[in-house]
Amino acid sequence: MNKERREELWDVYGYLDDAMGKVIDIRSDEQDSFDNLPDGLQSSKTGDSIQEAIGWLDEIESDIQSVRDKVEKYIKNKK
């Protein structure tokens, strides 16, 4: 891989880093929403929905991290 393409991949790495940060922020907002629900609503359909979203966001963060790590490893191995 030439230098120009490696630099483009570093851009992709940065985009993934930004995306992961946004997912983390959204997850944090969802967690705050859940935590601010009264106890009765935390165990309601609303609370369950928020917890499901948090679970999905955790999974998305993990997936992005995995791809980000692979991109970084590939770039570093190709220098």
PDB file of N, CA and C in Angstrom:
ATOM      1  N   MET A   1       0.861  -1.168   0.000  1.00  0.00           N
ATOM      2  CA  MET A   1       0.000   0.000   0.000  1.00  0.00           C
ATOM      3  C   MET A   1       0.907   1.230   0.000  1.00  0.00           C
ATOM      4  N   ASN A   2       0.574   2.163  -0.861  1.00  0.00           N
ATOM      5  CA  ASN A   2       1.409   3.360  -0.931  1.00  0.00           C
ATOM      6  C   ASN A   2       1.037   4.353   0.178  1.00  0.00           C
ATOM      7  N   LYS A   3       1.887   5.362   0.307  1.00  0.00           N
ATOM      8  CA  LYS A   3       1.734   6.335   1.389  1.00  0.00           C
ATOM      9  C   LYS A   3       0.384   7.057   1.321  1.00  0.00           C
ATOM     10  N   GLU A   4      -0.039   7.411   0.116  1.00  0.00           N
ATOM     11  CA  GLU A   4      -1.306   8.136  -0.052  1.00  0.00           C
ATOM     12  C   GLU A   4      -2.491   7.312   0.446  1.00  0.00           C
ATOM     13  N   ARG A   5      -2.508   6.028   0.116  1.00  0.00           N
ATOM     14  CA  ARG A   5      -3.609   5.168   0.556  1.00  0.00           C
ATOM     15  C   ARG A   5      -3.563   4.933   2.065  1.00  0.00           C
ATOM     16  N   ARG A   6      -2.353   4.825   2.619  1.00  0.00           N
ATOM     17  CA  ARG A   6      -2.237   4.694   4.078  1.00  0.00           C
ATOM     18  C   ARG A   6      -2.793   5.941   4.766  1.00  0.00           C
ATOM     19  N   GLU A   7      -2.506   7.106   4.205  1.00  0.00           N
ATOM     20  CA  GLU A   7      -3.035   8.356   4.764  1.00  0.00           C
ATOM     21  C   GLU A   7      -4.555   8.382   4.680  1.00  0.00           C
ATOM     22  N   GLU A   8      -5.104   7.868   3.582  1.00  0.00           N
ATOM     23  CA  GLU A   8      -6.562   7.781   3.462  1.00  0.00           C
ATOM     24  C   GLU A   8      -7.136   6.840   4.515  1.00  0.00           C
ATOM     25  N   LEU A   9      -6.430   5.744   4.779  1.00  0.00           N
ATOM     26  CA  LEU A   9      -6.888   4.827   5.820  1.00  0.00           C
ATOM     27  C   LEU A   9      -6.812   5.470   7.194  1.00  0.00           C
ATOM     28  N   TRP A  10      -5.809   6.316   7.432  1.00  0.00           N
ATOM     29  CA  TRP A  10      -5.753   7.052   8.693  1.00  0.00           C
ATOM     30  C   TRP A  10      -6.971   7.965   8.816  1.00  0.00           C
ATOM     31  N   ASP A  11      -7.419   8.530   7.676  1.00  0.00           N
ATOM     32  CA  ASP A  11      -8.651   9.326   7.691  1.00  0.00           C
ATOM     33  C   ASP A  11      -9.835   8.464   8.121  1.00  0.00           C
ATOM     34  N   VAL A  12      -9.913   7.248   7.565  1.00  0.00           N
ATOM     35  CA  VAL A  12     -10.981   6.318   7.930  1.00  0.00           C
ATOM     36  C   VAL A  12     -10.907   6.015   9.427  1.00  0.00           C
ATOM     37  N   TYR A  13      -9.701   5.800   9.925  1.00  0.00           N
ATOM     38  CA  TYR A  13      -9.495   5.552  11.349  1.00  0.00           C
ATOM     39  C   TYR A  13     -10.060   6.722  12.171  1.00  0.00           C
ATOM     40  N   GLY A  14      -9.784   7.932  11.734  1.00  0.00           N
ATOM     41  CA  GLY A  14     -10.297   9.115  12.423  1.00  0.00           C
ATOM     42  C   GLY A  14     -11.816   9.189  12.389  1.00  0.00           C
ATOM     43  N   TYR A  15     -12.403   8.841  11.243  1.00  0.00           N
ATOM     44  CA  TYR A  15     -13.862   8.842  11.136  1.00  0.00           C
ATOM     45  C   TYR A  15     -14.472   7.810  12.088  1.00  0.00           C
ATOM     46  N   LEU A  16     -13.836   6.645  12.162  1.00  0.00           N
ATOM     47  CA  LEU A  16     -14.315   5.608  13.077  1.00  0.00           C
ATOM     48  C   LEU A  16     -14.193   6.069  14.525  1.00  0.00           C
ATOM     49  N   ASP A  17     -13.100   6.758  14.832  1.00  0.00           N
ATOM     50  CA  ASP A  17     -12.900   7.288  16.173  1.00  0.00           C
ATOM     51  C   ASP A  17     -13.998   8.301  16.513  1.00  0.00           C
ATOM     52  N   ASP A  18     -14.296   9.181  15.551  1.00  0.00           N
ATOM     53  CA  ASP A  18     -15.376  10.156  15.749  1.00  0.00           C
ATOM     54  C   ASP A  18     -16.725   9.461  15.934  1.00  0.00           C
ATOM     55  N   ALA A  19     -16.983   8.453  15.102  1.00  0.00           N
ATOM     56  CA  ALA A  19     -18.252   7.727  15.194  1.00  0.00           C
ATOM     57  C   ALA A  19     -18.377   7.034  16.547  1.00  0.00           C
ATOM     58  N   MET A  20     -17.284   6.455  17.014  1.00  0.00           N
ATOM     59  CA  MET A  20     -17.325   5.782  18.306  1.00  0.00           C
ATOM     60  C   MET A  20     -17.604   6.794  19.422  1.00  0.00           C
ATOM     61  N   GLY A  21     -17.006   7.952  19.332  1.00  0.00           N
ATOM     62  CA  GLY A  21     -17.255   8.991  20.324  1.00  0.00           C
ATOM     63  C   GLY A  21     -18.712   9.409  20.348  1.00  0.00           C
ATOM     64  N   LYS A  22     -19.321   9.527  19.168  1.00  0.00           N
ATOM     65  CA  LYS A  22     -20.744   9.902  19.102  1.00  0.00           C
ATOM     66  C   LYS A  22     -21.627   8.808  19.694  1.00  0.00           C
ATOM     67  N   VAL A  23     -21.292   7.555  19.399  1.00  0.00           N
ATOM     68  CA  VAL A  23     -22.058   6.444  19.952  1.00  0.00           C
ATOM     69  C   VAL A  23     -21.945   6.440  21.478  1.00  0.00           C
ATOM     70  N   ILE A  24     -20.750   6.685  21.987  1.00  0.00           N
ATOM     71  CA  ILE A  24     -20.544   6.744  23.438  1.00  0.00           C
ATOM     72  C   ILE A  24     -21.378   7.869  24.048  1.00  0.00           C
ATOM     73  N   ASP A  25     -21.404   9.020  23.391  1.00  0.00           N
ATOM     74  CA  ASP A  25     -22.206  10.145  23.884  1.00  0.00           C
ATOM     75  C   ASP A  25     -23.696   9.809  23.911  1.00  0.00           C
ATOM     76  N   ILE A  26     -24.170   9.181  22.843  1.00  0.00           N
ATOM     77  CA  ILE A  26     -25.583   8.805  22.769  1.00  0.00           C
ATOM     78  C   ILE A  26     -25.909   7.782  23.854  1.00  0.00           C
ATOM     79  N   ARG A  27     -25.013   6.813  24.029  1.00  0.00           N
ATOM     80  CA  ARG A  27     -25.217   5.795  25.060  1.00  0.00           C
ATOM     81  C   ARG A  27     -25.286   6.447  26.442  1.00  0.00           C
ATOM     82  N   SER A  28     -24.410   7.405  26.686  1.00  0.00           N
ATOM     83  CA  SER A  28     -24.397   8.116  27.960  1.00  0.00           C
ATOM     84  C   SER A  28     -25.713   8.858  28.182  1.00  0.00           C
ATOM     85  N   ASP A  29     -26.217   9.496  27.127  1.00  0.00           N
ATOM     86  CA  ASP A  29     -27.511  10.194  27.229  1.00  0.00           C
ATOM     87  C   ASP A  29     -28.638   9.218  27.535  1.00  0.00           C
ATOM     88  N   GLU A  30     -28.601   8.052  26.887  1.00  0.00           N
ATOM     89  CA  GLU A  30     -29.628   7.036  27.151  1.00  0.00           C
ATOM     90  C   GLU A  30     -29.539   6.550  28.592  1.00  0.00           C
ATOM     91  N   GLN A  31     -28.308   6.338  29.067  1.00  0.00           N
ATOM     92  CA  GLN A  31     -28.136   5.885  30.445  1.00  0.00           C
ATOM     93  C   GLN A  31     -28.658   6.928  31.421  1.00  0.00           C
ATOM     94  N   ASP A  32     -28.361   8.204  31.130  1.00  0.00           N
ATOM     95  CA  ASP A  32     -28.878   9.284  31.977  1.00  0.00           C
ATOM     96  C   ASP A  32     -30.405   9.288  31.974  1.00  0.00           C
ATOM     97  N   SER A  33     -31.005   9.077  30.810  1.00  0.00           N
ATOM     98  CA  SER A  33     -32.471   9.025  30.712  1.00  0.00           C
ATOM     99  C   SER A  33     -33.029   7.902  31.574  1.00  0.00           C
ATOM    100  N   PHE A  34     -32.385   6.749  31.491  1.00  0.00           N
ATOM    101  CA  PHE A  34     -32.835   5.615  32.291  1.00  0.00           C
ATOM    102  C   PHE A  34     -32.678   5.905  33.780  1.00  0.00           C
ATOM    103  N   ASP A  35     -31.515   6.420  34.147  1.00  0.00           N
ATOM    104  CA  ASP A  35     -31.240   6.699  35.557  1.00  0.00           C
ATOM    105  C   ASP A  35     -32.189   7.740  36.138  1.00  0.00           C
ATOM    106  N   ASN A  36     -32.686   8.641  35.301  1.00  0.00           N
ATOM    107  CA  ASN A  36     -33.583   9.702  35.766  1.00  0.00           C
ATOM    108  C   ASN A  36     -35.052   9.283  35.790  1.00  0.00           C
ATOM    109  N   LEU A  37     -35.327   8.081  35.287  1.00  0.00           N
ATOM    110  CA  LEU A  37     -36.704   7.580  35.366  1.00  0.00           C
ATOM    111  C   LEU A  37     -37.027   7.224  36.808  1.00  0.00           C
ATOM    112  N   PRO A  38     -38.257   7.473  37.227  1.00  0.00           N
ATOM    113  CA  PRO A  38     -38.667   6.983  38.545  1.00  0.00           C
ATOM    114  C   PRO A  38     -38.550   5.448  38.575  1.00  0.00           C
ATOM    115  N   ASP A  39     -38.331   4.906  39.763  1.00  0.00           N
ATOM    116  CA  ASP A  39     -38.136   3.462  39.898  1.00  0.00           C
ATOM    117  C   ASP A  39     -39.226   2.647  39.208  1.00  0.00           C
ATOM    118  N   GLY A  40     -40.459   3.074  39.331  1.00  0.00           N
ATOM    119  CA  GLY A  40     -41.567   2.350  38.710  1.00  0.00           C
ATOM    120  C   GLY A  40     -41.465   2.294  37.198  1.00  0.00           C
ATOM    121  N   LEU A  41     -40.973   3.356  36.595  1.00  0.00           N
ATOM    122  CA  LEU A  41     -40.853   3.385  35.135  1.00  0.00           C
ATOM    123  C   LEU A  41     -39.613   2.645  34.637  1.00  0.00           C
ATOM    124  N   GLN A  42     -38.598   2.502  35.475  1.00  0.00           N
ATOM    125  CA  GLN A  42     -37.400   1.779  35.047  1.00  0.00           C
ATOM    126  C   GLN A  42     -37.724   0.331  34.693  1.00  0.00           C
ATOM    127  N   SER A  43     -38.712  -0.231  35.376  1.00  0.00           N
ATOM    128  CA  SER A  43     -39.093  -1.619  35.095  1.00  0.00           C
ATOM    129  C   SER A  43     -40.311  -1.709  34.172  1.00  0.00           C
ATOM    130  N   SER A  44     -40.629  -0.597  33.511  1.00  0.00           N
ATOM    131  CA  SER A  44     -41.760  -0.567  32.585  1.00  0.00           C
ATOM    132  C   SER A  44     -41.269  -0.791  31.149  1.00  0.00           C
ATOM    133  N   LYS A  45     -42.209  -0.740  30.224  1.00  0.00           N
ATOM    134  CA  LYS A  45     -41.879  -0.884  28.805  1.00  0.00           C
ATOM    135  C   LYS A  45     -40.904   0.216  28.367  1.00  0.00           C
ATOM    136  N   THR A  46     -41.081   1.418  28.889  1.00  0.00           N
ATOM    137  CA  THR A  46     -40.182   2.532  28.573  1.00  0.00           C
ATOM    138  C   THR A  46     -38.765   2.228  29.044  1.00  0.00           C
ATOM    139  N   GLY A  47     -38.643   1.783  30.293  1.00  0.00           N
ATOM    140  CA  GLY A  47     -37.331   1.439  30.826  1.00  0.00           C
ATOM    141  C   GLY A  47     -36.682   0.305  30.053  1.00  0.00           C
ATOM    142  N   ASP A  48     -37.483  -0.707  29.722  1.00  0.00           N
ATOM    143  CA  ASP A  48     -36.963  -1.834  28.940  1.00  0.00           C
ATOM    144  C   ASP A  48     -36.462  -1.378  27.578  1.00  0.00           C
ATOM    145  N   SER A  49     -37.197  -0.460  26.963  1.00  0.00           N
ATOM    146  CA  SER A  49     -36.810   0.063  25.655  1.00  0.00           C
ATOM    147  C   SER A  49     -35.478   0.812  25.735  1.00  0.00           C
ATOM    148  N   ILE A  50     -35.326   1.606  26.771  1.00  0.00           N
ATOM    149  CA  ILE A  50     -34.079   2.360  26.944  1.00  0.00           C
ATOM    150  C   ILE A  50     -32.921   1.393  27.197  1.00  0.00           C
ATOM    151  N   GLN A  51     -33.147   0.386  28.036  1.00  0.00           N
ATOM    152  CA  GLN A  51     -32.092  -0.585  28.309  1.00  0.00           C
ATOM    153  C   GLN A  51     -31.709  -1.368  27.056  1.00  0.00           C
ATOM    154  N   GLU A  52     -32.692  -1.663  26.224  1.00  0.00           N
ATOM    155  CA  GLU A  52     -32.405  -2.349  24.958  1.00  0.00           C
ATOM    156  C   GLU A  52     -31.535  -1.461  24.068  1.00  0.00           C
ATOM    157  N   ALA A  53     -31.871  -0.182  24.009  1.00  0.00           N
ATOM    158  CA  ALA A  53     -31.069   0.755  23.207  1.00  0.00           C
ATOM    159  C   ALA A  53     -29.639   0.834  23.738  1.00  0.00           C
ATOM    160  N   ILE A  54     -29.489   0.860  25.041  1.00  0.00           N
ATOM    161  CA  ILE A  54     -28.161   0.908  25.648  1.00  0.00           C
ATOM    162  C   ILE A  54     -27.360  -0.337  25.261  1.00  0.00           C
ATOM    163  N   GLY A  55     -28.000  -1.484  25.297  1.00  0.00           N
ATOM    164  CA  GLY A  55     -27.337  -2.726  24.897  1.00  0.00           C
ATOM    165  C   GLY A  55     -26.872  -2.684  23.450  1.00  0.00           C
ATOM    166  N   TRP A  56     -27.746  -2.188  22.564  1.00  0.00           N
ATOM    167  CA  TRP A  56     -27.380  -2.072  21.154  1.00  0.00           C
ATOM    168  C   TRP A  56     -26.227  -1.098  20.966  1.00  0.00           C
ATOM    169  N   LEU A  57     -26.271   0.015  21.687  1.00  0.00           N
ATOM    170  CA  LEU A  57     -25.199   1.004  21.568  1.00  0.00           C
ATOM    171  C   LEU A  57     -23.875   0.451  22.086  1.00  0.00           C
ATOM    172  N   ASP A  58     -23.916  -0.347  23.134  1.00  0.00           N
ATOM    173  CA  ASP A  58     -22.700  -1.011  23.620  1.00  0.00           C
ATOM    174  C   ASP A  58     -22.122  -1.921  22.540  1.00  0.00           C
ATOM    175  N   GLU A  59     -23.000  -2.658  21.880  1.00  0.00           N
ATOM    176  CA  GLU A  59     -22.565  -3.573  20.825  1.00  0.00           C
ATOM    177  C   GLU A  59     -21.990  -2.804  19.635  1.00  0.00           C
ATOM    178  N   ILE A  60     -22.636  -1.723  19.267  1.00  0.00           N
ATOM    179  CA  ILE A  60     -22.145  -0.894  18.159  1.00  0.00           C
ATOM    180  C   ILE A  60     -20.770  -0.331  18.494  1.00  0.00           C
ATOM    181  N   GLU A  61     -20.616   0.169  19.721  1.00  0.00           N
ATOM    182  CA  GLU A  61     -19.317   0.696  20.141  1.00  0.00           C
ATOM    183  C   GLU A  61     -18.236  -0.377  20.030  1.00  0.00           C
ATOM    184  N   SER A  62     -18.546  -1.565  20.481  1.00  0.00           N
ATOM    185  CA  SER A  62     -17.594  -2.669  20.418  1.00  0.00           C
ATOM    186  C   SER A  62     -17.238  -3.010  18.972  1.00  0.00           C
ATOM    187  N   ASP A  63     -18.236  -3.020  18.097  1.00  0.00           N
ATOM    188  CA  ASP A  63     -17.991  -3.318  16.680  1.00  0.00           C
ATOM    189  C   ASP A  63     -17.112  -2.251  16.037  1.00  0.00           C
ATOM    190  N   ILE A  64     -17.403  -0.993  16.313  1.00  0.00           N
ATOM    191  CA  ILE A  64     -16.591   0.093  15.751  1.00  0.00           C
ATOM    192  C   ILE A  64     -15.163  -0.015  16.272  1.00  0.00           C
ATOM    193  N   GLN A  65     -15.011  -0.278  17.561  1.00  0.00           N
ATOM    194  CA  GLN A  65     -13.680  -0.424  18.158  1.00  0.00           C
ATOM    195  C   GLN A  65     -12.899  -1.538  17.473  1.00  0.00           C
ATOM    196  N   SER A  66     -13.567  -2.637  17.197  1.00  0.00           N
ATOM    197  CA  SER A  66     -12.922  -3.771  16.536  1.00  0.00           C
ATOM    198  C   SER A  66     -12.429  -3.391  15.141  1.00  0.00           C
ATOM    199  N   VAL A  67     -13.273  -2.734  14.369  1.00  0.00           N
ATOM    200  CA  VAL A  67     -12.883  -2.312  13.014  1.00  0.00           C
ATOM    201  C   VAL A  67     -11.759  -1.284  13.099  1.00  0.00           C
ATOM    202  N   ARG A  68     -11.886  -0.356  14.014  1.00  0.00           N
ATOM    203  CA  ARG A  68     -10.867   0.685  14.212  1.00  0.00           C
ATOM    204  C   ARG A  68      -9.519   0.053  14.543  1.00  0.00           C
ATOM    205  N   ASP A  69      -9.515  -0.928  15.427  1.00  0.00           N
ATOM    206  CA  ASP A  69      -8.280  -1.619  15.789  1.00  0.00           C
ATOM    207  C   ASP A  69      -7.670  -2.356  14.598  1.00  0.00           C
ATOM    208  N   LYS A  70      -8.520  -2.961  13.780  1.00  0.00           N
ATOM    209  CA  LYS A  70      -8.035  -3.669  12.593  1.00  0.00           C
ATOM    210  C   LYS A  70      -7.416  -2.701  11.594  1.00  0.00           C
ATOM    211  N   VAL A  71      -8.054  -1.564  11.391  1.00  0.00           N
ATOM    212  CA  VAL A  71      -7.512  -0.556  10.474  1.00  0.00           C
ATOM    213  C   VAL A  71      -6.149  -0.085  10.977  1.00  0.00           C
ATOM    214  N   GLU A  72      -6.072   0.217  12.264  1.00  0.00           N
ATOM    215  CA  GLU A  72      -4.804   0.686  12.839  1.00  0.00           C
ATOM    216  C   GLU A  72      -3.714  -0.374  12.697  1.00  0.00           C
ATOM    217  N   LYS A  73      -4.038  -1.610  12.997  1.00  0.00           N
ATOM    218  CA  LYS A  73      -3.058  -2.686  12.896  1.00  0.00           C
ATOM    219  C   LYS A  73      -2.575  -2.857  11.464  1.00  0.00           C
ATOM    220  N   TYR A  74      -3.504  -2.805  10.514  1.00  0.00           N
ATOM    221  CA  TYR A  74      -3.131  -2.955   9.116  1.00  0.00           C
ATOM    222  C   TYR A  74      -2.198  -1.841   8.677  1.00  0.00           C
ATOM    223  N   ILE A  75      -2.547  -0.617   9.015  1.00  0.00           N
ATOM    224  CA  ILE A  75      -1.723   0.514   8.605  1.00  0.00           C
ATOM    225  C   ILE A  75      -0.324   0.411   9.202  1.00  0.00           C
ATOM    226  N   LYS A  76      -0.245   0.102  10.469  1.00  0.00           N
ATOM    227  CA  LYS A  76       1.058   0.021  11.137  1.00  0.00           C
ATOM    228  C   LYS A  76       1.916  -1.116  10.595  1.00  0.00           C
ATOM    229  N   ASN A  77       1.276  -2.191  10.162  1.00  0.00           N
ATOM    230  CA  ASN A  77       2.026  -3.328   9.602  1.00  0.00           C
ATOM    231  C   ASN A  77       2.474  -3.074   8.177  1.00  0.00           C
ATOM    232  N   LYS A  78       1.928  -2.079   7.516  1.00  0.00           N
ATOM    233  CA  LYS A  78       2.251  -1.804   6.108  1.00  0.00           C
ATOM    234  C   LYS A  78       3.247  -0.683   5.925  1.00  0.00           C
ATOM    235  N   LYS A  79       3.790  -0.140   7.008  1.00  0.00           N
ATOM    236  CA  LYS A  79       4.768   0.952   6.871  1.00  0.00           C
ATOM    237  C   LYS A  79       6.092   0.444   6.424  1.00  0.00           C
TER     238      LYS A  79
END
